[in-house]
């Protein structure tokens, strides 16, 4: 009796592979950004994929990545930060809730590798070992942050003296990315990893029309990233116009293979007066979002809060922060 078509195929090459869709999303800390990436306020960045986030320096990329690492740890997972800029501030991350005391078995890895290849090799090794030795639950996420791709030095360039480097070495990072990215994308899927490459912008010389910016690493990061998030910023000045108090950051998801592309979000990234460090002003940014969508009513310079009273914007932000009303603020999100 003749076999059925399905039986013939199964005998030949085995059963059909399972489609590796996104089964977990990790919160960025800002619901409108979650929605721009995943189509859902409760979503975020997709586990099992590569995400590239790029923009100007000090525009809050690391702050967003830190929130995603915190979300991974809360889900029982592991956070890995490969610091190629030597700029990660552990004190600020600790204040936001990132667990970093490895002596207490916290799910945290922090390294400052010398080269691109060393960094990726260490990441793949530790993630494989964690999965194979059941260091975390099988469905718990792993988040890997490379900060930044532009600062990652290829081994071929690192091995040379400065005086030996030539024009070909300017293409070394692109060649390394082209060689490594396919494998890294495969491991991201197999090991349930979210890989985040933070990157910088560069100006293309002589461009008169179109986007004059590009990103280091060549074409491979653009191709193998499921999501690419472009950040832009406008500086915010104090009332007396004498100092900069922060930035208005605008993002566009210019590539999205997991949801609708070209969605946008805006938020404020402010500087603390005491030490100049930056922080993601989630409450103020949510108030701005609600007023722009008509969820909170605006009357002149006043905003009507859920208690029926009207407040100027900053006093309302202070009230929410001081009285712990963040839950009530998030409850206003559309279902």
Protein backbone atom coordinates (compact mmCIF):
# COMPACT_ATOMS: atom_id res chain seq x y z
CA UNK A 1 0.00 0.00 0.00
CA UNK A 2 1.39 3.39 -1.02
CA UNK A 3 2.43 5.76 1.75
CA UNK A 4 0.76 9.10 2.13
CA UNK A 5 2.63 12.23 1.10
CA UNK A 6 3.15 13.31 4.72
CA UNK A 7 4.63 9.94 5.67
CA UNK A 8 7.03 10.03 2.72
CA UNK A 9 8.27 13.50 3.67
CA UNK A 10 8.61 12.54 7.37
CA UNK A 11 10.63 9.43 6.46
CA UNK A 12 12.83 11.52 4.16
CA UNK A 13 13.70 14.58 6.24
CA UNK A 14 11.69 14.29 9.46
CA UNK A 15 8.66 16.18 10.74
CA UNK A 16 8.09 19.82 9.79
CA UNK A 17 9.96 22.32 11.96
CA UNK A 18 8.04 24.40 14.45
CA UNK A 19 7.50 27.98 13.35
CA UNK A 20 9.57 30.15 15.73
CA UNK A 21 7.22 33.06 16.31
CA UNK A 22 7.60 35.53 19.17
CA UNK A 23 6.23 33.99 22.37
CA UNK A 24 7.48 36.62 24.86
CA UNK A 25 7.83 40.38 24.90
CA UNK A 26 9.88 42.37 27.41
CA UNK A 27 8.70 45.72 28.74
CA UNK A 28 10.75 48.79 27.78
CA UNK A 29 9.35 50.74 30.73
CA UNK A 30 7.33 53.04 28.47
CA UNK A 31 3.96 51.72 27.14
CA UNK A 32 3.85 53.90 23.98
CA UNK A 33 7.28 52.52 22.98
CA UNK A 34 6.04 48.98 23.69
CA UNK A 35 3.13 49.63 21.35
CA UNK A 36 5.34 51.10 18.62
CA UNK A 37 7.47 47.93 18.66
CA UNK A 38 4.95 45.16 19.32
CA UNK A 39 1.55 46.70 18.62
CA UNK A 40 0.56 46.30 22.29
CA UNK A 41 1.00 48.56 25.32
CA UNK A 42 1.79 45.45 27.37
CA UNK A 43 4.31 44.18 24.81
CA UNK A 44 7.83 45.47 24.24
CA UNK A 45 10.92 43.97 22.65
CA UNK A 46 10.70 40.48 21.12
CA UNK A 47 12.58 37.63 22.80
CA UNK A 48 14.32 35.34 20.32
CA UNK A 49 15.24 38.17 17.95
CA UNK A 50 17.93 40.78 17.32
CA UNK A 51 17.03 44.44 17.91
CA UNK A 52 19.18 47.41 16.87
CA UNK A 53 18.58 50.76 18.57
CA UNK A 54 20.60 53.70 17.33
CA UNK A 55 20.72 57.44 17.63
CA UNK A 56 22.73 60.37 19.02
CA UNK A 57 25.02 59.99 22.00
CA UNK A 58 23.44 60.33 25.47
CA UNK A 59 19.91 60.00 24.12
CA UNK A 60 18.84 57.34 26.64
CA UNK A 61 19.55 54.12 24.72
CA UNK A 62 21.21 52.47 27.72
CA UNK A 63 18.35 53.57 29.99
CA UNK A 64 15.83 51.75 27.79
CA UNK A 65 18.08 48.67 27.55
CA UNK A 66 18.34 48.65 31.35
CA UNK A 67 14.57 48.59 31.69
CA UNK A 68 14.42 45.61 29.34
CA UNK A 69 17.09 43.79 31.37
CA UNK A 70 15.07 44.44 34.53
CA UNK A 71 11.98 42.99 32.82
CA UNK A 72 13.96 39.87 31.92
CA UNK A 73 15.13 39.38 35.51
CA UNK A 74 11.57 39.84 36.81
CA UNK A 75 10.51 37.07 34.42
CA UNK A 76 13.09 34.74 35.99
CA UNK A 77 15.65 35.30 33.26
CA UNK A 78 19.24 36.44 32.82
CA UNK A 79 20.60 39.89 31.90
CA UNK A 80 23.97 40.23 30.13
CA UNK A 81 25.70 43.54 29.43
CA UNK A 82 28.80 43.66 27.23
CA UNK A 83 30.24 47.11 27.82
CA UNK A 84 32.49 48.23 24.97
CA UNK A 85 32.23 51.90 25.94
CA UNK A 86 33.08 51.44 29.64
CA UNK A 87 30.19 53.76 30.44
CA UNK A 88 27.65 51.60 32.29
CA UNK A 89 26.58 53.24 35.57
CA UNK A 90 25.85 50.48 38.08
CA UNK A 91 24.56 52.90 40.74
CA UNK A 92 21.83 54.26 38.47
CA UNK A 93 20.93 50.76 37.26
CA UNK A 94 20.72 49.59 40.87
CA UNK A 95 18.38 52.47 41.74
CA UNK A 96 16.04 51.35 38.95
CA UNK A 97 15.98 47.77 40.23
CA UNK A 98 18.56 45.83 38.21
CA UNK A 99 19.95 42.93 40.27
CA UNK A 100 23.76 42.99 40.05
CA UNK A 101 25.11 41.30 43.20
CA UNK A 102 26.54 38.12 41.64
CA UNK A 103 27.63 36.97 45.12
CA UNK A 104 23.95 36.43 45.88
CA UNK A 105 23.45 34.43 42.69
CA UNK A 106 21.73 37.32 40.93
CA UNK A 107 21.03 36.72 37.23
CA UNK A 108 23.58 39.24 35.94
CA UNK A 109 26.65 39.13 33.68
CA UNK A 110 28.84 42.19 33.08
CA UNK A 111 32.00 42.12 30.95
CA UNK A 112 34.21 44.63 29.13
CA UNK A 113 35.61 42.59 26.21
CA UNK A 114 38.48 43.85 24.08
CA UNK A 115 37.17 42.72 20.70
CA UNK A 116 33.97 42.06 18.78
CA UNK A 117 34.79 38.36 18.45
CA UNK A 118 35.60 37.94 22.15
CA UNK A 119 32.35 39.60 23.11
CA UNK A 120 30.12 37.44 20.89
CA UNK A 121 32.01 34.25 21.79
CA UNK A 122 31.56 34.87 25.52
CA UNK A 123 27.87 35.59 25.08
CA UNK A 124 27.18 32.42 23.10
CA UNK A 125 29.19 30.29 25.53
CA UNK A 126 27.49 31.54 28.70
CA UNK A 127 24.00 31.38 27.15
CA UNK A 128 24.53 27.81 25.93
CA UNK A 129 25.88 26.74 29.32
CA UNK A 130 22.98 28.38 31.17
CA UNK A 131 20.45 26.59 28.96
CA UNK A 132 22.19 23.21 28.95
CA UNK A 133 22.79 23.21 32.72
CA UNK A 134 19.29 24.51 33.53
CA UNK A 135 20.55 27.66 35.25
CA UNK A 136 17.13 29.23 34.61
CA UNK A 137 13.76 27.85 33.55
CA UNK A 138 13.48 26.79 29.92
CA UNK A 139 10.93 29.50 29.13
CA UNK A 140 12.76 32.26 31.03
CA UNK A 141 14.30 34.92 28.77
CA UNK A 142 17.91 35.94 28.28
CA UNK A 143 18.66 39.54 27.33
CA UNK A 144 22.06 40.44 25.87
CA UNK A 145 22.99 44.11 25.41
CA UNK A 146 26.03 45.10 23.34
CA UNK A 147 26.97 48.73 24.07
CA UNK A 148 27.80 49.75 21.50
CA UNK A 149 28.29 48.19 18.09
CA UNK A 150 30.20 51.26 16.94
CA UNK A 151 32.73 50.73 19.76
CA UNK A 152 33.31 47.01 19.14
CA UNK A 153 36.84 46.48 17.78
CA UNK A 154 37.34 43.55 15.37
CA UNK A 155 40.14 41.13 16.24
CA UNK A 156 41.87 41.77 12.91
CA UNK A 157 42.14 45.46 13.76
CA UNK A 158 42.97 44.97 17.45
CA UNK A 159 45.96 42.78 16.57
CA UNK A 160 47.62 45.54 14.55
CA UNK A 161 49.66 48.49 15.67
CA UNK A 162 48.06 51.88 15.01
CA UNK A 163 50.71 52.65 12.38
CA UNK A 164 49.89 49.41 10.53
CA UNK A 165 46.20 50.15 10.06
CA UNK A 166 44.99 51.23 6.65
CA UNK A 167 41.84 51.75 4.58
CA UNK A 168 40.89 48.06 4.67
CA UNK A 169 40.68 48.19 8.46
CA UNK A 170 37.82 50.67 8.22
CA UNK A 171 35.76 47.80 6.74
CA UNK A 172 36.82 45.29 9.39
CA UNK A 173 33.74 45.76 11.60
CA UNK A 174 31.38 45.28 8.66
CA UNK A 175 33.21 42.08 7.70
CA UNK A 176 33.03 40.76 11.26
CA UNK A 177 29.31 41.52 11.46
CA UNK A 178 28.69 39.83 8.13
CA UNK A 179 30.46 36.69 9.36
CA UNK A 180 28.88 36.53 12.84
CA UNK A 181 25.33 37.89 12.53
CA UNK A 182 23.75 34.82 10.85
CA UNK A 183 25.03 32.57 13.65
CA UNK A 184 24.01 35.04 16.36
CA UNK A 185 20.49 35.30 14.91
CA UNK A 186 20.22 31.50 14.97
CA UNK A 187 21.36 31.30 18.60
CA UNK A 188 18.93 34.08 19.55
CA UNK A 189 16.08 31.92 18.30
CA UNK A 190 17.33 28.60 19.68
CA UNK A 191 18.34 29.88 23.12
CA UNK A 192 15.38 32.24 23.64
CA UNK A 193 17.65 35.30 23.66
CA UNK A 194 16.80 38.92 23.00
CA UNK A 195 19.95 40.48 21.55
CA UNK A 196 20.06 44.29 21.66
CA UNK A 197 22.75 46.15 19.75
CA UNK A 198 23.01 49.78 20.79
CA UNK A 199 24.57 51.78 17.99
CA UNK A 200 25.53 55.30 17.01
CA UNK A 201 24.85 57.45 13.98
CA UNK A 202 27.43 58.68 11.51
CA UNK A 203 27.13 61.39 8.87
CA UNK A 204 27.53 60.38 5.23
CA UNK A 205 29.84 62.93 3.59
CA UNK A 206 28.48 64.75 0.58
CA UNK A 207 24.84 63.62 0.85
CA UNK A 208 22.54 66.41 -0.34
CA UNK A 209 19.21 64.55 -0.53
CA UNK A 210 17.62 61.92 1.65
CA UNK A 211 18.82 60.69 5.03
CA UNK A 212 22.47 61.76 5.52
CA UNK A 213 23.01 59.36 8.44
CA UNK A 214 24.30 55.80 8.57
CA UNK A 215 25.29 53.32 11.28
CA UNK A 216 28.55 51.39 11.78
CA UNK A 217 28.64 47.66 11.10
CA UNK A 218 27.71 47.52 7.43
CA UNK A 219 24.59 45.88 6.03
CA UNK A 220 24.47 42.76 8.22
CA UNK A 221 23.00 44.41 11.37
CA UNK A 222 20.31 46.02 9.23
CA UNK A 223 19.43 42.70 7.59
CA UNK A 224 19.51 40.39 10.62
CA UNK A 225 17.76 42.74 13.06
CA UNK A 226 14.05 41.99 13.31
CA UNK A 227 13.48 45.46 14.77
CA UNK A 228 15.47 48.66 14.13
CA UNK A 229 14.68 51.69 16.29
CA UNK A 230 15.95 55.11 15.22
CA UNK A 231 16.17 57.84 17.85
CA UNK A 232 16.27 61.58 17.33
CA UNK A 233 16.31 64.35 19.90
CA UNK A 234 15.58 67.99 20.62
CA UNK A 235 17.32 69.65 23.56
CA UNK A 236 15.13 71.07 26.35
CA UNK A 237 16.16 74.33 28.00
CA UNK A 238 15.37 75.69 31.44
CA UNK A 239 12.80 78.46 31.81
CA UNK A 240 15.53 81.10 31.86
CA UNK A 241 17.08 79.52 28.71
CA UNK A 242 20.49 79.41 30.39
CA UNK A 243 20.92 75.65 30.80
CA UNK A 244 19.91 72.35 29.24
CA UNK A 245 17.57 70.31 31.43
CA UNK A 246 17.11 67.32 29.14
CA UNK A 247 15.98 66.07 25.78
CA UNK A 248 12.77 65.37 23.92
CA UNK A 249 13.48 62.00 22.30
CA UNK A 250 11.52 60.85 19.27
CA UNK A 251 11.78 57.32 17.92
CA UNK A 252 10.67 55.66 14.73
CA UNK A 253 10.65 51.88 14.28
CA UNK A 254 12.12 51.94 10.78
CA UNK A 255 12.17 48.14 10.44
CA UNK A 256 9.76 45.73 12.10
CA UNK A 257 9.39 42.05 11.23
CA UNK A 258 7.21 41.30 14.27
CA UNK A 259 4.58 44.04 14.01
CA UNK A 260 3.58 47.07 11.94
CA UNK A 261 6.63 49.13 10.87
CA UNK A 262 7.17 52.90 10.99
CA UNK A 263 5.31 53.41 14.27
CA UNK A 264 6.58 56.25 16.49
CA UNK A 265 6.85 57.23 20.15
CA UNK A 266 8.14 60.24 22.09
CA UNK A 267 9.45 60.66 25.62
CA UNK A 268 11.53 62.96 27.81
CA UNK A 269 15.05 62.11 28.97
CA UNK A 270 16.01 64.58 31.70
CA UNK A 271 19.19 65.45 33.60
CA UNK A 272 19.34 65.45 37.40
CA UNK A 273 20.43 68.74 38.95
CA UNK A 274 22.60 67.12 41.63
CA UNK A 275 24.96 65.11 39.42
CA UNK A 276 23.93 65.66 35.80
CA UNK A 277 23.01 62.02 35.26
CA UNK A 278 20.14 61.28 32.91
CA UNK A 279 16.86 59.50 33.62
CA UNK A 280 13.87 58.33 31.63
CA UNK A 281 10.97 60.61 32.69
CA UNK A 282 8.23 58.02 32.30
CA UNK A 283 5.55 59.85 34.28
CA UNK A 284 6.04 63.18 32.51
CA UNK A 285 6.18 61.44 29.15
CA UNK A 286 2.96 59.52 29.89
CA UNK A 287 1.21 62.77 30.84
CA UNK A 288 2.34 64.25 27.51
CA UNK A 289 1.09 61.13 25.69
CA UNK A 290 -2.33 61.25 27.36
CA UNK A 291 -2.84 64.92 26.62
CA UNK A 292 -1.83 64.42 22.96
CA UNK A 293 -4.38 61.59 22.65
CA UNK A 294 -7.13 63.46 24.51
CA UNK A 295 -7.17 60.89 27.33
CA UNK A 296 -6.41 63.64 29.84
CA UNK A 297 -8.36 66.81 29.10
CA UNK A 298 -6.48 70.07 28.69
CA UNK A 299 -7.97 73.45 29.47
CA UNK A 300 -5.55 76.25 28.71
CA UNK A 301 -2.48 75.66 30.86
CA UNK A 302 -4.29 73.13 33.07
CA UNK A 303 -4.66 69.35 32.89
CA UNK A 304 -7.65 67.62 34.46
CA UNK A 305 -6.60 64.63 36.60
CA UNK A 306 -8.79 61.65 37.57
CA UNK A 307 -9.73 63.34 40.86
CA UNK A 308 -11.58 65.99 38.86
CA UNK A 309 -9.12 68.72 39.83
CA UNK A 310 -7.03 70.71 37.39
CA UNK A 311 -3.27 71.06 37.67
CA UNK A 312 -0.43 72.70 35.85
CA UNK A 313 1.70 70.05 34.15
CA UNK A 314 4.72 69.96 36.48
CA UNK A 315 2.67 70.01 39.72
CA UNK A 316 0.64 67.10 38.32
CA UNK A 317 3.82 65.15 37.52
CA UNK A 318 5.13 65.85 41.03
CA UNK A 319 1.84 64.72 42.56
CA UNK A 320 1.90 61.41 40.69
CA UNK A 321 5.53 60.75 41.66
CA UNK A 322 5.23 61.87 45.29
CA UNK A 323 1.95 60.07 45.99
CA UNK A 324 2.82 56.86 44.13
CA UNK A 325 0.02 57.21 41.59
CA UNK A 326 1.87 55.49 38.73
CA UNK A 327 -0.62 52.62 38.79
CA UNK A 328 -3.54 55.00 38.35
CA UNK A 329 -1.64 56.67 35.51
CA UNK A 330 -1.08 53.39 33.67
CA UNK A 331 -4.71 52.39 34.22
CA UNK A 332 -5.72 55.17 31.81
CA UNK A 333 -4.17 53.32 28.87
CA UNK A 334 -6.70 52.31 26.19
CA UNK A 335 -7.62 48.64 26.35
